[in-house]
Amino acid sequence: MIANPERTVVVSSVGWVDHDVLWRFDVPTAHAARIPLGSGARHLSLHSSGSSHFAVGHHFDGERFELTVHLFSDPTRVLARAAVTEREMSLSGDPEVWERVPRLYVAYLRFPPWKDFVLFLVSAGTGQIEVQRFAWYDDTYDKGYQGIIDVLEAPGEGSALVSVQRSSQVIVHDLGDRPQEGLL
């Protein structure tokens, strides 16, 4: 569940239950609206950074991953889109809106060369998407039991905090110390 900066609009999605549907709750009027996004995603993840914009991660059980940027005031409208499939990576829409949402996202891709959880970094300034492997996420983890949950960029540090399901450790991932896996 995420909210706009004024806390007058709340957006949520109950992952596996709602699939690719958002719920928008208008606090002043107490009105709730169900908003199908029509992507066909198996589940959504919501990402906010304290602005009037938010990002939606569209998860397709590893077949592909998409990100869309929306306004809290009009979640039906897609302002920008990033997509990664086995064959291509694409970025479309207004490149400036990527500056208003987080740069980092986690998803699972089941196709080569990744076949694992990966980090997506959207660079608004360069108009690029990077897909990075988590080199530290190896066979020491029980990958059927310990998936990567989320990532949060540490401000000004060049690093990210990564949470792993059923782990008592928070991983500090160096954003500058990694092989380049994919770039658009």
Foldseek 3Di string as FASTA:
>chain_A
DDAALVRQKDKDWPFQVRQQWIWIAGNVVRDIDIGHQPPRANTWDWFADRHQKIKIWRAHPQQKIKIFMAGSVDRNDTQKMWIDGPVDTDIDHDLVCCVRTDQWWWYAHCDPPANAIWIWGQDSVVRKIFTFHPVVPDPVDPCVQWHWDTWADDPPPQWIWTDIHPDPDTDIGRNVPGDGDDMD
